[in-house]
Amino acid sequence: MKNLQQFLTDLGARESGGNYKAFNKYGYAGKYQMGEMALVDAGYYTKSNKIYNNDWKGNFTGKDGVNSIQEFLNNPKAQENAQIIFKKKQWGYLKALGADKYINKIINGYKITPSGLLAGAHLKGAGSVIKYLKSNGQVNEKDAFGTSVETYIQRFADYDVSIILH
């Protein structure tokens, strides 16, 4: 089984080709294509109006020396730290929704694993993952590029992410 570092490397490769400076047309930033909401969850960003549209008009908190989106893009260590914090937060959301109760179940031929759940949540959020699970794979939301939650659940199924789960 692959470890957490391999999970992060593979997730970053899938999201941006591993490019820390990547910035897509929807305003997602860095190696992991993190948006405003993800960086709020990770403690790097605040936004007063709570409209998360990736316009980056909120304020950076200064965590890890990051005070702007440009500084975030130029700071690989901050991106790695933010991703770990964000994954722990996502696991909390997944557990709160009961997604962990589906671990080891088979849906559409794919085994549900913690790493697959985290990857699905990375793509479309914990809410989309629980819809997928509760519908037994019938509700399979996609991102703006057409990638489905199920694709990420399947693609990232075989990683030991136990460090994140504690």
C-alpha atoms as a PDB file:
ATOM      1  CA  MET A   1       0.000   0.000   0.000  1.00  0.00           C
ATOM      2  CA  LYS A   2       1.215   3.490  -0.832  1.00  0.00           C
ATOM      3  CA  ASN A   3       1.845   5.995   1.971  1.00  0.00           C
ATOM      4  CA  LEU A   4       0.540   9.495   2.682  1.00  0.00           C
ATOM      5  CA  GLN A   5       3.421  11.189   0.839  1.00  0.00           C
ATOM      6  CA  GLN A   6       2.637   9.140  -2.258  1.00  0.00           C
ATOM      7  CA  PHE A   7      -1.047  10.092  -1.900  1.00  0.00           C
ATOM      8  CA  LEU A   8      -0.124  13.773  -1.802  1.00  0.00           C
ATOM      9  CA  THR A   9       2.332  13.441  -4.688  1.00  0.00           C
ATOM     10  CA  ASP A  10      -0.234  11.620  -6.830  1.00  0.00           C
ATOM     11  CA  LEU A  11      -3.054  14.006  -5.883  1.00  0.00           C
ATOM     12  CA  GLY A  12      -0.867  16.995  -6.746  1.00  0.00           C
ATOM     13  CA  ALA A  13       0.121  15.373 -10.037  1.00  0.00           C
ATOM     14  CA  ARG A  14      -3.537  14.818 -10.911  1.00  0.00           C
ATOM     15  CA  GLU A  15      -4.606  18.307  -9.865  1.00  0.00           C
ATOM     16  CA  SER A  16      -1.835  20.427 -11.406  1.00  0.00           C
ATOM     17  CA  GLY A  17       0.876  18.202 -12.802  1.00  0.00           C
ATOM     18  CA  GLY A  18       2.676  18.836  -9.498  1.00  0.00           C
ATOM     19  CA  ASN A  19       3.026  22.549 -10.301  1.00  0.00           C
ATOM     20  CA  TYR A  20       3.065  24.688  -7.161  1.00  0.00           C
ATOM     21  CA  LYS A  21       2.523  27.829  -9.259  1.00  0.00           C
ATOM     22  CA  ALA A  22      -0.540  26.502 -11.126  1.00  0.00           C
ATOM     23  CA  PHE A  23      -3.591  28.784 -11.157  1.00  0.00           C
ATOM     24  CA  ASN A  24      -6.590  27.646 -13.184  1.00  0.00           C
ATOM     25  CA  LYS A  25      -9.369  29.622 -14.856  1.00  0.00           C
ATOM     26  CA  TYR A  26     -11.692  28.972 -11.905  1.00  0.00           C
ATOM     27  CA  GLY A  27      -9.252  30.567  -9.455  1.00  0.00           C
ATOM     28  CA  TYR A  28      -7.968  27.342  -7.865  1.00  0.00           C
ATOM     29  CA  ALA A  29      -4.380  27.717  -6.764  1.00  0.00           C
ATOM     30  CA  GLY A  30      -1.209  25.713  -6.399  1.00  0.00           C
ATOM     31  CA  LYS A  31      -0.176  22.096  -6.595  1.00  0.00           C
ATOM     32  CA  TYR A  32      -3.447  20.910  -5.044  1.00  0.00           C
ATOM     33  CA  GLN A  33      -5.692  23.484  -6.762  1.00  0.00           C
ATOM     34  CA  MET A  34      -7.027  24.825  -3.481  1.00  0.00           C
ATOM     35  CA  GLY A  35      -9.820  27.378  -3.443  1.00  0.00           C
ATOM     36  CA  GLU A  36     -10.760  30.046  -0.953  1.00  0.00           C
ATOM     37  CA  MET A  37     -12.884  27.719   1.173  1.00  0.00           C
ATOM     38  CA  ALA A  38     -10.060  25.178   1.453  1.00  0.00           C
ATOM     39  CA  LEU A  39      -7.601  27.850   2.548  1.00  0.00           C
ATOM     40  CA  VAL A  40     -10.109  29.166   5.102  1.00  0.00           C
ATOM     41  CA  ASP A  41     -10.388  25.630   6.494  1.00  0.00           C
ATOM     42  CA  ALA A  42      -6.593  25.361   6.593  1.00  0.00           C
ATOM     43  CA  GLY A  43      -6.272  28.688   8.439  1.00  0.00           C
ATOM     44  CA  TYR A  44      -4.496  30.628   5.701  1.00  0.00           C
ATOM     45  CA  TYR A  45      -7.318  32.890   4.544  1.00  0.00           C
ATOM     46  CA  THR A  46     -10.416  34.745   5.735  1.00  0.00           C
ATOM     47  CA  LYS A  47     -13.318  36.141   3.801  1.00  0.00           C
ATOM     48  CA  SER A  48     -15.889  38.470   5.350  1.00  0.00           C
ATOM     49  CA  ASN A  49     -18.752  37.982   2.889  1.00  0.00           C
ATOM     50  CA  LYS A  50     -18.659  34.152   2.974  1.00  0.00           C
ATOM     51  CA  ILE A  51     -19.134  34.014  -0.805  1.00  0.00           C
ATOM     52  CA  TYR A  52     -16.444  31.608  -1.914  1.00  0.00           C
ATOM     53  CA  ASN A  53     -15.915  32.321  -5.608  1.00  0.00           C
ATOM     54  CA  ASN A  54     -12.102  32.251  -5.658  1.00  0.00           C
ATOM     55  CA  ASP A  55     -11.785  35.948  -6.404  1.00  0.00           C
ATOM     56  CA  TRP A  56      -9.144  36.122  -3.647  1.00  0.00           C
ATOM     57  CA  LYS A  57     -10.485  39.445  -2.317  1.00  0.00           C
ATOM     58  CA  GLY A  58     -10.364  38.272   1.298  1.00  0.00           C
ATOM     59  CA  ASN A  59      -7.368  38.421   3.608  1.00  0.00           C
ATOM     60  CA  PHE A  60      -4.503  36.031   4.114  1.00  0.00           C
ATOM     61  CA  THR A  61      -3.715  35.324   7.763  1.00  0.00           C
ATOM     62  CA  GLY A  62       0.087  35.365   7.457  1.00  0.00           C
ATOM     63  CA  LYS A  63       0.333  31.680   8.379  1.00  0.00           C
ATOM     64  CA  ASP A  64       3.655  30.245   7.128  1.00  0.00           C
ATOM     65  CA  GLY A  65       4.500  33.752   5.923  1.00  0.00           C
ATOM     66  CA  VAL A  66       1.712  33.749   3.314  1.00  0.00           C
ATOM     67  CA  ASN A  67       0.061  37.147   2.891  1.00  0.00           C
ATOM     68  CA  SER A  68      -1.199  36.933  -0.693  1.00  0.00           C
ATOM     69  CA  ILE A  69      -2.212  34.425  -3.317  1.00  0.00           C
ATOM     70  CA  GLN A  70       1.110  35.063  -5.063  1.00  0.00           C
ATOM     71  CA  GLU A  71       3.032  34.247  -1.877  1.00  0.00           C
ATOM     72  CA  PHE A  72       0.974  31.047  -1.527  1.00  0.00           C
ATOM     73  CA  LEU A  73       1.854  30.035  -5.098  1.00  0.00           C
ATOM     74  CA  ASN A  74       5.535  30.699  -4.383  1.00  0.00           C
ATOM     75  CA  ASN A  75       5.618  28.729  -1.113  1.00  0.00           C
ATOM     76  CA  PRO A  76       5.666  24.930  -1.587  1.00  0.00           C
ATOM     77  CA  LYS A  77       6.038  24.298   2.163  1.00  0.00           C
ATOM     78  CA  ALA A  78       2.919  26.344   2.916  1.00  0.00           C
ATOM     79  CA  GLN A  79       1.004  24.444   0.239  1.00  0.00           C
ATOM     80  CA  GLU A  80       2.045  21.097   1.718  1.00  0.00           C
ATOM     81  CA  ASN A  81       1.171  22.247   5.244  1.00  0.00           C
ATOM     82  CA  ALA A  82      -2.163  23.648   4.080  1.00  0.00           C
ATOM     83  CA  GLN A  83      -3.027  20.386   2.347  1.00  0.00           C
ATOM     84  CA  ILE A  84      -2.369  18.279   5.455  1.00  0.00           C
ATOM     85  CA  ILE A  85      -4.454  20.609   7.635  1.00  0.00           C
ATOM     86  CA  PHE A  86      -7.197  20.654   5.005  1.00  0.00           C
ATOM     87  CA  LYS A  87      -7.243  16.861   4.682  1.00  0.00           C
ATOM     88  CA  LYS A  88      -7.663  16.516   8.474  1.00  0.00           C
ATOM     89  CA  LYS A  89     -10.535  19.005   8.333  1.00  0.00           C
ATOM     90  CA  GLN A  90     -12.104  17.132   5.401  1.00  0.00           C
ATOM     91  CA  TRP A  91     -11.874  13.863   7.311  1.00  0.00           C
ATOM     92  CA  GLY A  92     -13.810  15.526  10.138  1.00  0.00           C
ATOM     93  CA  TYR A  93     -16.511  16.601   7.677  1.00  0.00           C
ATOM     94  CA  LEU A  94     -16.671  13.127   6.131  1.00  0.00           C
ATOM     95  CA  LYS A  95     -17.008  11.491   9.558  1.00  0.00           C
ATOM     96  CA  ALA A  96     -19.668  13.983  10.651  1.00  0.00           C
ATOM     97  CA  LEU A  97     -21.697  13.009   7.576  1.00  0.00           C
ATOM     98  CA  GLY A  98     -21.218   9.280   8.249  1.00  0.00           C
ATOM     99  CA  ALA A  99     -19.011   8.573   5.225  1.00  0.00           C
ATOM    100  CA  ASP A 100     -16.624   6.493   7.348  1.00  0.00           C
ATOM    101  CA  LYS A 101     -19.422   3.929   7.834  1.00  0.00           C
ATOM    102  CA  TYR A 102     -19.066   3.029   4.145  1.00  0.00           C
ATOM    103  CA  ILE A 103     -15.396   2.001   4.400  1.00  0.00           C
ATOM    104  CA  ASN A 104     -14.808  -1.452   2.870  1.00  0.00           C
ATOM    105  CA  LYS A 105     -18.201  -1.454   1.133  1.00  0.00           C
ATOM    106  CA  ILE A 106     -18.226  -2.004  -2.629  1.00  0.00           C
ATOM    107  CA  ILE A 107     -20.046   0.546  -4.788  1.00  0.00           C
ATOM    108  CA  ASN A 108     -20.139   0.149  -8.586  1.00  0.00           C
ATOM    109  CA  GLY A 109     -17.332  -2.392  -8.239  1.00  0.00           C
ATOM    110  CA  TYR A 110     -15.049  -0.083  -6.255  1.00  0.00           C
ATOM    111  CA  LYS A 111     -13.971  -0.580  -2.660  1.00  0.00           C
ATOM    112  CA  ILE A 112     -14.561   2.447  -0.451  1.00  0.00           C
ATOM    113  CA  THR A 113     -11.402   3.407   1.461  1.00  0.00           C
ATOM    114  CA  PRO A 114     -10.390   6.379   3.599  1.00  0.00           C
ATOM    115  CA  SER A 115      -7.967   7.647   0.943  1.00  0.00           C
ATOM    116  CA  GLY A 116     -10.632   7.340  -1.738  1.00  0.00           C
ATOM    117  CA  LEU A 117     -13.095   9.269   0.410  1.00  0.00           C
ATOM    118  CA  LEU A 118     -10.541  12.025   1.007  1.00  0.00           C
ATOM    119  CA  ALA A 119      -9.781  12.252  -2.702  1.00  0.00           C
ATOM    120  CA  GLY A 120     -13.476  12.412  -3.581  1.00  0.00           C
ATOM    121  CA  ALA A 121     -13.921  15.171  -1.000  1.00  0.00           C
ATOM    122  CA  HIS A 122     -10.926  16.992  -2.452  1.00  0.00           C
ATOM    123  CA  LEU A 123     -12.585  16.979  -5.860  1.00  0.00           C
ATOM    124  CA  LYS A 124     -16.156  17.986  -4.944  1.00  0.00           C
ATOM    125  CA  GLY A 125     -16.460  18.256  -1.172  1.00  0.00           C
ATOM    126  CA  ALA A 126     -17.713  15.962   1.567  1.00  0.00           C
ATOM    127  CA  GLY A 127     -21.335  16.666   0.639  1.00  0.00           C
ATOM    128  CA  SER A 128     -20.882  15.246  -2.851  1.00  0.00           C
ATOM    129  CA  VAL A 129     -19.124  12.198  -1.428  1.00  0.00           C
ATOM    130  CA  ILE A 130     -21.959  11.401   0.971  1.00  0.00           C
ATOM    131  CA  LYS A 131     -24.504  11.809  -1.855  1.00  0.00           C
ATOM    132  CA  TYR A 132     -22.502   9.292  -3.861  1.00  0.00           C
ATOM    133  CA  LEU A 133     -22.332   6.854  -0.947  1.00  0.00           C
ATOM    134  CA  LYS A 134     -25.971   7.152   0.138  1.00  0.00           C
ATOM    135  CA  SER A 135     -27.175   6.725  -3.449  1.00  0.00           C
ATOM    136  CA  ASN A 136     -25.021   3.622  -3.875  1.00  0.00           C
ATOM    137  CA  GLY A 137     -23.115   5.376  -6.650  1.00  0.00           C
ATOM    138  CA  GLN A 138     -26.158   6.655  -8.555  1.00  0.00           C
ATOM    139  CA  VAL A 139     -25.422  10.307  -7.723  1.00  0.00           C
ATOM    140  CA  ASN A 140     -21.919  10.884  -9.031  1.00  0.00           C
ATOM    141  CA  GLU A 141     -21.190  14.593  -9.240  1.00  0.00           C
ATOM    142  CA  LYS A 142     -18.469  15.985 -11.500  1.00  0.00           C
ATOM    143  CA  ASP A 143     -16.169  18.986 -11.317  1.00  0.00           C
ATOM    144  CA  ALA A 144     -16.070  21.683 -13.995  1.00  0.00           C
ATOM    145  CA  PHE A 145     -13.647  19.583 -16.040  1.00  0.00           C
ATOM    146  CA  GLY A 146     -15.939  16.515 -16.030  1.00  0.00           C
ATOM    147  CA  THR A 147     -14.066  14.425 -13.448  1.00  0.00           C
ATOM    148  CA  SER A 148     -16.425  12.469 -11.193  1.00  0.00           C
ATOM    149  CA  VAL A 149     -16.347  11.764  -7.482  1.00  0.00           C
ATOM    150  CA  GLU A 150     -16.301   8.051  -8.299  1.00  0.00           C
ATOM    151  CA  THR A 151     -13.206   8.514 -10.474  1.00  0.00           C
ATOM    152  CA  TYR A 152     -11.306   9.963  -7.512  1.00  0.00           C
ATOM    153  CA  ILE A 153     -12.693   7.406  -5.038  1.00  0.00           C
ATOM    154  CA  GLN A 154     -11.458   4.635  -7.332  1.00  0.00           C
ATOM    155  CA  ARG A 155      -8.192   6.224  -8.461  1.00  0.00           C
ATOM    156  CA  PHE A 156      -7.010   7.058  -4.928  1.00  0.00           C
ATOM    157  CA  ALA A 157      -8.280   3.941  -3.129  1.00  0.00           C
ATOM    158  CA  ASP A 158      -4.989   2.288  -2.250  1.00  0.00           C
ATOM    159  CA  TYR A 159      -3.152   4.655   0.115  1.00  0.00           C
ATOM    160  CA  ASP A 160      -2.445   4.504   3.819  1.00  0.00           C
ATOM    161  CA  VAL A 161      -3.666   7.884   5.097  1.00  0.00           C
ATOM    162  CA  SER A 162      -4.017   6.784   8.720  1.00  0.00           C
ATOM    163  CA  ILE A 163      -1.947   9.811   9.861  1.00  0.00           C
ATOM    164  CA  ILE A 164      -4.791  12.046   8.624  1.00  0.00           C
ATOM    165  CA  LEU A 165      -7.508  10.013  10.366  1.00  0.00           C
ATOM    166  CA  HIS A 166      -6.272  10.654  13.924  1.00  0.00           C
END
